[in-house]
Amino acid sequence: MSLPRVVLGIVPTQSDYLVPQSNFCMFDRKKVLVETITAELTITQPRELALYEKTFRTLADQAAIGKAARGLVRKSIEARCEKSEKHDA
């Protein structure tokens, strides 16, 4: 990836669930946005931000990056192509 401040990590599907699964975005350790089906929550309380930061670190530790992430994506694409070929046959 050519963006020096961006790291793309993929948590493999076979990973253990070490933290609750939810969708959130962190911004400079001052704000977290959580999207739910009915609302968007803005988290700014320091003790809550600390929990999201801990969750992020746990997920980052589980994530595959670089060659390992590309391998997971390649494997997923190949599996999808095989499934499509079987469906077309």
C-alpha atoms as a PDB file:
ATOM      1  CA  MET A   1       0.000   0.000   0.000  1.00  0.00           C
ATOM      2  CA  SER A   2       1.384   3.395  -0.900  1.00  0.00           C
ATOM      3  CA  LEU A   3      -0.165   5.319   2.005  1.00  0.00           C
ATOM      4  CA  PRO A   4       2.472   5.437   4.768  1.00  0.00           C
ATOM      5  CA  ARG A   5       0.015   6.269   7.569  1.00  0.00           C
ATOM      6  CA  VAL A   6      -2.558   3.620   6.628  1.00  0.00           C
ATOM      7  CA  VAL A   7      -2.361  -0.043   7.585  1.00  0.00           C
ATOM      8  CA  LEU A   8      -4.989  -2.449   6.316  1.00  0.00           C
ATOM      9  CA  GLY A   9      -5.472  -5.429   8.587  1.00  0.00           C
ATOM     10  CA  ILE A  10      -7.816  -8.376   8.180  1.00  0.00           C
ATOM     11  CA  VAL A  11      -8.928 -10.423  11.178  1.00  0.00           C
ATOM     12  CA  PRO A  12      -9.172 -14.014   9.895  1.00  0.00           C
ATOM     13  CA  THR A  13     -12.583 -15.638  10.246  1.00  0.00           C
ATOM     14  CA  GLN A  14     -11.127 -18.494  12.296  1.00  0.00           C
ATOM     15  CA  SER A  15      -9.847 -16.065  14.964  1.00  0.00           C
ATOM     16  CA  ASP A  16     -11.226 -16.337  18.476  1.00  0.00           C
ATOM     17  CA  TYR A  17     -13.720 -13.665  19.564  1.00  0.00           C
ATOM     18  CA  LEU A  18     -11.639 -11.814  22.133  1.00  0.00           C
ATOM     19  CA  VAL A  19     -13.699  -8.618  22.089  1.00  0.00           C
ATOM     20  CA  PRO A  20     -17.348  -7.801  21.330  1.00  0.00           C
ATOM     21  CA  GLN A  21     -17.949  -7.339  17.625  1.00  0.00           C
ATOM     22  CA  SER A  22     -19.222  -3.927  16.597  1.00  0.00           C
ATOM     23  CA  ASN A  23     -18.499  -1.368  13.942  1.00  0.00           C
ATOM     24  CA  PHE A  24     -16.615   1.717  15.137  1.00  0.00           C
ATOM     25  CA  CYS A  25     -14.197   4.383  13.911  1.00  0.00           C
ATOM     26  CA  MET A  26     -11.608   6.014  16.164  1.00  0.00           C
ATOM     27  CA  PHE A  27     -10.396   9.583  15.644  1.00  0.00           C
ATOM     28  CA  ASP A  28      -7.185  10.743  17.346  1.00  0.00           C
ATOM     29  CA  ARG A  29      -8.099   9.180  20.719  1.00  0.00           C
ATOM     30  CA  LYS A  30     -10.647  11.971  21.231  1.00  0.00           C
ATOM     31  CA  LYS A  31     -13.730  10.591  19.525  1.00  0.00           C
ATOM     32  CA  VAL A  32     -15.217   7.262  18.492  1.00  0.00           C
ATOM     33  CA  LEU A  33     -18.170   6.906  16.137  1.00  0.00           C
ATOM     34  CA  VAL A  34     -20.329   3.801  16.474  1.00  0.00           C
ATOM     35  CA  GLU A  35     -22.901   3.060  13.806  1.00  0.00           C
ATOM     36  CA  THR A  36     -25.957   1.055  14.756  1.00  0.00           C
ATOM     37  CA  ILE A  37     -28.961   0.135  12.650  1.00  0.00           C
ATOM     38  CA  THR A  38     -30.967   3.102  13.948  1.00  0.00           C
ATOM     39  CA  ALA A  39     -28.426   5.710  15.044  1.00  0.00           C
ATOM     40  CA  GLU A  40     -24.859   6.934  15.078  1.00  0.00           C
ATOM     41  CA  LEU A  41     -23.282   7.293  18.511  1.00  0.00           C
ATOM     42  CA  THR A  42     -20.458   9.716  19.254  1.00  0.00           C
ATOM     43  CA  ILE A  43     -18.293   8.587  22.157  1.00  0.00           C
ATOM     44  CA  THR A  44     -16.086  11.222  23.842  1.00  0.00           C
ATOM     45  CA  GLN A  45     -15.870  10.125  27.487  1.00  0.00           C
ATOM     46  CA  PRO A  46     -12.243   9.211  28.322  1.00  0.00           C
ATOM     47  CA  ARG A  47     -13.079   5.952  30.149  1.00  0.00           C
ATOM     48  CA  GLU A  48     -15.229   4.782  27.216  1.00  0.00           C
ATOM     49  CA  LEU A  49     -12.571   5.842  24.702  1.00  0.00           C
ATOM     50  CA  ALA A  50     -10.088   3.716  26.638  1.00  0.00           C
ATOM     51  CA  LEU A  51     -12.306   0.650  26.153  1.00  0.00           C
ATOM     52  CA  TYR A  52     -12.509   1.255  22.398  1.00  0.00           C
ATOM     53  CA  GLU A  53      -8.752   1.755  22.219  1.00  0.00           C
ATOM     54  CA  LYS A  54      -8.212  -1.544  24.052  1.00  0.00           C
ATOM     55  CA  THR A  55     -10.650  -3.246  21.667  1.00  0.00           C
ATOM     56  CA  PHE A  56      -8.854  -1.753  18.667  1.00  0.00           C
ATOM     57  CA  ARG A  57      -5.460  -2.942  19.941  1.00  0.00           C
ATOM     58  CA  THR A  58      -6.828  -6.459  20.473  1.00  0.00           C
ATOM     59  CA  LEU A  59      -8.231  -6.575  16.935  1.00  0.00           C
ATOM     60  CA  ALA A  60      -5.011  -5.097  15.505  1.00  0.00           C
ATOM     61  CA  ASP A  61      -2.992  -7.815  17.261  1.00  0.00           C
ATOM     62  CA  GLN A  62      -5.216 -10.472  15.664  1.00  0.00           C
ATOM     63  CA  ALA A  63      -5.119  -8.914  12.206  1.00  0.00           C
ATOM     64  CA  ALA A  64      -3.104 -10.168   9.278  1.00  0.00           C
ATOM     65  CA  ILE A  65      -1.269  -7.378   7.443  1.00  0.00           C
ATOM     66  CA  GLY A  66       0.954  -7.152   4.383  1.00  0.00           C
ATOM     67  CA  LYS A  67       1.614 -10.459   2.616  1.00  0.00           C
ATOM     68  CA  ALA A  68      -0.525 -12.383   5.089  1.00  0.00           C
ATOM     69  CA  ALA A  69      -3.521 -10.106   4.424  1.00  0.00           C
ATOM     70  CA  ARG A  70      -3.022 -10.367   0.660  1.00  0.00           C
ATOM     71  CA  GLY A  71      -2.952 -14.157   1.050  1.00  0.00           C
ATOM     72  CA  LEU A  72      -6.308 -14.115   2.870  1.00  0.00           C
ATOM     73  CA  VAL A  73      -7.855 -11.915   0.186  1.00  0.00           C
ATOM     74  CA  ARG A  74      -6.446 -14.120  -2.588  1.00  0.00           C
ATOM     75  CA  LYS A  75      -7.755 -17.255  -0.890  1.00  0.00           C
ATOM     76  CA  SER A  76     -11.208 -15.696  -0.494  1.00  0.00           C
ATOM     77  CA  ILE A  77     -11.313 -14.634  -4.159  1.00  0.00           C
ATOM     78  CA  GLU A  78     -10.269 -18.116  -5.296  1.00  0.00           C
ATOM     79  CA  ALA A  79     -12.949 -19.741  -3.126  1.00  0.00           C
ATOM     80  CA  ARG A  80     -15.568 -17.368  -4.510  1.00  0.00           C
ATOM     81  CA  CYS A  81     -14.486 -18.102  -8.104  1.00  0.00           C
ATOM     82  CA  GLU A  82     -14.656 -21.860  -7.470  1.00  0.00           C
ATOM     83  CA  LYS A  83     -18.138 -21.472  -5.985  1.00  0.00           C
ATOM     84  CA  SER A  84     -19.233 -19.403  -8.980  1.00  0.00           C
ATOM     85  CA  GLU A  85     -17.837 -21.985 -11.415  1.00  0.00           C
ATOM     86  CA  LYS A  86     -19.737 -24.788  -9.647  1.00  0.00           C
ATOM     87  CA  HIS A  87     -22.919 -22.710  -9.733  1.00  0.00           C
ATOM     88  CA  ASP A  88     -22.546 -22.043 -13.478  1.00  0.00           C
ATOM     89  CA  ALA A  89     -21.916 -25.716 -14.294  1.00  0.00           C
END
